[in-house]
C-alpha cells in the first residue's frame, strides 16, 4: 500500500510540474496594476531621498564646521565647573 501511494504521489508531482510550464501571461502584457506598483515603489524611493539629503548635509556641516566655543558655565564629567 505504501509503494502505491508513493508511486501515485510521484506521478502526480511529475504531471503537475508540466502544468506550470503552460501558456501564461506574456512579458509584453503588463497591466496597469503592475505600472501602479512600480510607480508606488519609485515614489517611496524618491520621498526617502529627501530626508537622506537633508541628514547628509547636516552631517557634512557638522563635520567640517568649526567647533563651538565652550561657555563659561561648562562643566566637566564630574559636574564641577571648569576654570
N, C-alpha and C. Protein backbone atom coordinates (compact mmCIF):
# COMPACT_ATOMS: atom_id res chain seq x y z
N UNK A 1 0.82 -1.20 0.00
CA UNK A 1 0.00 0.00 0.00
C UNK A 1 0.87 1.26 0.00
N UNK A 2 1.99 1.21 0.77
CA UNK A 2 2.86 2.38 0.85
C UNK A 2 3.51 2.67 -0.50
N UNK A 3 3.91 1.64 -1.22
CA UNK A 3 4.55 1.86 -2.52
C UNK A 3 3.54 2.41 -3.54
N UNK A 4 2.28 2.03 -3.42
CA UNK A 4 1.26 2.55 -4.34
C UNK A 4 1.07 4.05 -4.10
N UNK A 5 1.01 4.44 -2.82
CA UNK A 5 0.86 5.86 -2.50
C UNK A 5 2.09 6.66 -2.94
N UNK A 6 3.26 6.09 -2.76
CA UNK A 6 4.49 6.76 -3.16
C UNK A 6 4.52 6.94 -4.67
N UNK A 7 4.17 5.88 -5.40
CA UNK A 7 4.15 5.97 -6.87
C UNK A 7 3.09 6.96 -7.35
N UNK A 8 1.93 6.95 -6.72
CA UNK A 8 0.87 7.87 -7.12
C UNK A 8 1.27 9.31 -6.85
N UNK A 9 1.90 9.56 -5.71
CA UNK A 9 2.34 10.92 -5.39
C UNK A 9 3.43 11.37 -6.37
N UNK A 10 4.34 10.47 -6.71
CA UNK A 10 5.39 10.81 -7.68
C UNK A 10 4.82 11.14 -9.05
N UNK A 11 3.85 10.35 -9.51
CA UNK A 11 3.24 10.62 -10.82
C UNK A 11 2.46 11.94 -10.80
N UNK A 12 1.80 12.21 -9.68
CA UNK A 12 1.05 13.46 -9.56
C UNK A 12 1.98 14.67 -9.61
N UNK A 13 3.11 14.57 -8.93
CA UNK A 13 4.07 15.67 -8.94
C UNK A 13 4.67 15.86 -10.32
N UNK A 14 4.98 14.77 -11.02
CA UNK A 14 5.56 14.89 -12.36
C UNK A 14 4.57 15.49 -13.35
N UNK A 15 3.31 15.13 -13.26
CA UNK A 15 2.34 15.66 -14.21
C UNK A 15 1.94 17.10 -13.85
N UNK A 16 1.95 17.45 -12.57
CA UNK A 16 1.59 18.81 -12.18
C UNK A 16 2.70 19.78 -12.54
N UNK A 17 3.93 19.31 -12.63
CA UNK A 17 5.04 20.17 -13.00
C UNK A 17 4.91 20.72 -14.40
N UNK A 18 4.35 19.95 -15.30
CA UNK A 18 4.21 20.42 -16.68
C UNK A 18 3.06 21.42 -16.81
N UNK A 19 2.15 21.45 -15.86
CA UNK A 19 1.04 22.40 -15.92
C UNK A 19 1.53 23.82 -15.69
N UNK A 20 2.59 23.97 -14.91
CA UNK A 20 3.12 25.30 -14.65
C UNK A 20 3.90 25.84 -15.85
N UNK A 21 4.26 24.98 -16.78
CA UNK A 21 5.00 25.42 -17.97
C UNK A 21 4.06 25.75 -19.11
N UNK A 22 2.78 25.83 -18.84
CA UNK A 22 1.80 26.10 -19.88
C UNK A 22 1.82 27.55 -20.32
N UNK A 23 0.87 27.89 -21.14
CA UNK A 23 0.77 29.24 -21.67
C UNK A 23 0.32 30.18 -20.55
N UNK A 24 1.06 31.25 -20.39
CA UNK A 24 0.74 32.22 -19.35
C UNK A 24 0.78 33.62 -19.91
N UNK A 25 0.86 34.55 -19.04
CA UNK A 25 0.90 35.95 -19.47
C UNK A 25 2.24 36.22 -20.15
N UNK A 26 2.19 36.91 -21.24
CA UNK A 26 3.39 37.28 -21.96
C UNK A 26 4.10 38.41 -21.23
N UNK A 27 5.36 38.61 -21.54
CA UNK A 27 6.11 39.68 -20.91
C UNK A 27 5.56 41.04 -21.33
N UNK A 28 5.03 41.12 -22.52
CA UNK A 28 4.52 42.40 -23.02
C UNK A 28 3.12 42.72 -22.51
N UNK A 29 2.51 41.81 -21.76
CA UNK A 29 1.14 42.01 -21.29
C UNK A 29 1.09 42.55 -19.86
N UNK A 30 1.93 43.51 -19.56
CA UNK A 30 1.89 44.12 -18.23
C UNK A 30 0.68 45.04 -18.14
N UNK A 31 -0.08 44.87 -17.09
CA UNK A 31 -1.28 45.68 -16.92
C UNK A 31 -0.99 46.97 -16.17
N UNK A 32 -2.04 47.71 -15.93
CA UNK A 32 -1.90 49.00 -15.26
C UNK A 32 -1.58 48.82 -13.78
N UNK A 33 -1.96 47.68 -13.19
CA UNK A 33 -1.63 47.46 -11.77
C UNK A 33 -0.13 47.28 -11.59
N UNK A 34 0.52 46.66 -12.56
CA UNK A 34 1.97 46.48 -12.48
C UNK A 34 2.67 47.84 -12.55
N UNK A 35 2.20 48.70 -13.44
CA UNK A 35 2.79 50.04 -13.54
C UNK A 35 2.49 50.87 -12.28
N UNK A 36 1.33 50.68 -11.69
CA UNK A 36 0.99 51.37 -10.45
C UNK A 36 1.91 50.91 -9.31
N UNK A 37 2.20 49.63 -9.27
CA UNK A 37 3.10 49.08 -8.27
C UNK A 37 4.51 49.66 -8.44
N UNK A 38 5.00 49.71 -9.66
CA UNK A 38 6.33 50.26 -9.90
C UNK A 38 6.37 51.76 -9.58
N UNK A 39 5.31 52.48 -9.92
CA UNK A 39 5.25 53.90 -9.60
C UNK A 39 5.23 54.15 -8.11
N UNK A 40 4.51 53.32 -7.37
CA UNK A 40 4.46 53.45 -5.91
C UNK A 40 5.84 53.20 -5.31
N UNK A 41 6.54 52.20 -5.82
CA UNK A 41 7.90 51.94 -5.35
C UNK A 41 8.84 53.10 -5.66
N UNK A 42 8.69 53.70 -6.84
CA UNK A 42 9.52 54.85 -7.20
C UNK A 42 9.21 56.04 -6.29
N UNK A 43 7.95 56.23 -5.93
CA UNK A 43 7.59 57.32 -5.01
C UNK A 43 8.21 57.11 -3.63
N UNK A 44 8.23 55.89 -3.16
CA UNK A 44 8.84 55.60 -1.86
C UNK A 44 10.32 55.95 -1.90
N UNK A 45 11.01 55.52 -2.96
CA UNK A 45 12.44 55.83 -3.08
C UNK A 45 12.66 57.33 -3.17
N UNK A 46 11.85 58.03 -3.95
CA UNK A 46 12.02 59.47 -4.12
C UNK A 46 11.79 60.21 -2.80
N UNK A 47 10.77 59.84 -2.06
CA UNK A 47 10.50 60.52 -0.80
C UNK A 47 11.50 60.17 0.29
N UNK A 48 12.20 59.06 0.16
CA UNK A 48 13.25 58.73 1.12
C UNK A 48 14.55 59.46 0.79
N UNK A 49 14.69 59.92 -0.44
CA UNK A 49 15.90 60.66 -0.80
C UNK A 49 15.93 62.04 -0.15
N UNK A 50 14.78 62.65 0.06
CA UNK A 50 14.74 63.99 0.64
C UNK A 50 15.32 64.00 2.06
N UNK A 51 14.87 63.14 2.99
CA UNK A 51 15.48 63.14 4.32
C UNK A 51 16.94 62.71 4.29
N UNK A 52 17.28 61.86 3.33
CA UNK A 52 18.67 61.41 3.22
C UNK A 52 19.58 62.57 2.87
N UNK A 53 19.17 63.40 1.94
CA UNK A 53 19.98 64.55 1.53
C UNK A 53 20.07 65.56 2.68
N UNK A 54 18.97 65.78 3.37
CA UNK A 54 18.97 66.73 4.50
C UNK A 54 19.89 66.24 5.61
N UNK A 55 19.79 64.96 5.95
CA UNK A 55 20.64 64.40 7.00
C UNK A 55 22.10 64.39 6.59
N UNK A 56 22.37 64.06 5.34
CA UNK A 56 23.75 64.06 4.86
C UNK A 56 24.35 65.46 4.88
N UNK A 57 23.56 66.46 4.48
CA UNK A 57 24.04 67.83 4.53
C UNK A 57 24.33 68.28 5.95
N UNK A 58 23.46 67.93 6.88
CA UNK A 58 23.67 68.30 8.28
C UNK A 58 24.92 67.61 8.85
N UNK A 59 25.14 66.36 8.45
CA UNK A 59 26.34 65.66 8.92
C UNK A 59 27.60 66.32 8.39
N UNK A 60 27.61 66.64 7.09
CA UNK A 60 28.79 67.28 6.50
C UNK A 60 29.03 68.67 7.11
N UNK A 61 27.96 69.39 7.38
CA UNK A 61 28.10 70.70 8.01
C UNK A 61 28.70 70.55 9.41
N UNK A 62 28.25 69.56 10.15
CA UNK A 62 28.78 69.33 11.49
C UNK A 62 30.22 68.86 11.47
N UNK A 63 30.59 68.08 10.47
CA UNK A 63 31.97 67.58 10.40
C UNK A 63 32.94 68.69 10.03
N UNK A 64 32.58 69.51 9.05
CA UNK A 64 33.51 70.49 8.51
C UNK A 64 33.39 71.89 9.12
N UNK A 65 32.48 72.09 10.04
CA UNK A 65 32.38 73.42 10.66
C UNK A 65 33.33 73.50 11.86
N UNK A 66 33.62 74.72 12.26
CA UNK A 66 34.49 74.91 13.42
C UNK A 66 33.76 74.49 14.68
N UNK A 67 34.52 74.07 15.67
CA UNK A 67 33.93 73.67 16.94
C UNK A 67 33.38 74.90 17.64
N UNK A 68 32.25 74.75 18.29
CA UNK A 68 31.63 75.86 19.01
C UNK A 68 32.45 76.16 20.25
N UNK A 69 32.64 77.43 20.60
CA UNK A 69 33.39 77.75 21.81
C UNK A 69 32.60 77.33 23.04
N UNK A 70 33.34 76.86 24.04
CA UNK A 70 32.68 76.41 25.26
C UNK A 70 32.25 77.62 26.08
N UNK A 71 31.12 77.49 26.71
CA UNK A 71 30.65 78.60 27.55
C UNK A 71 31.36 78.58 28.89
N UNK A 72 31.28 79.68 29.62
CA UNK A 72 31.96 79.79 30.92
C UNK A 72 31.35 78.85 31.94
N UNK A 73 30.10 78.47 31.75
CA UNK A 73 29.43 77.62 32.73
C UNK A 73 29.54 76.14 32.35
N UNK A 74 30.42 75.81 31.41
CA UNK A 74 30.56 74.41 31.01
C UNK A 74 31.17 73.61 32.15
N UNK A 75 30.71 72.40 32.32
CA UNK A 75 31.18 71.56 33.40
C UNK A 75 31.90 70.36 32.84
N UNK A 76 32.83 69.80 33.61
CA UNK A 76 33.50 68.59 33.16
C UNK A 76 32.65 67.37 33.48
N UNK A 77 33.19 66.18 33.35
CA UNK A 77 32.42 64.95 33.54
C UNK A 77 31.92 64.78 34.95
N UNK A 78 32.59 65.37 35.95
CA UNK A 78 32.16 65.21 37.34
C UNK A 78 31.10 66.20 37.74
N UNK A 79 30.85 67.22 36.92
CA UNK A 79 29.85 68.20 37.25
C UNK A 79 30.40 69.45 37.89
N UNK A 80 31.71 69.48 38.11
CA UNK A 80 32.29 70.69 38.70
C UNK A 80 32.61 71.67 37.58
N UNK A 81 32.46 72.95 37.85
CA UNK A 81 32.73 73.95 36.80
C UNK A 81 34.21 73.99 36.45
N UNK A 82 34.48 74.21 35.16
CA UNK A 82 35.88 74.32 34.70
C UNK A 82 36.37 75.73 35.01
N UNK A 83 37.67 75.84 35.21
CA UNK A 83 38.23 77.17 35.44
C UNK A 83 39.09 77.59 34.30
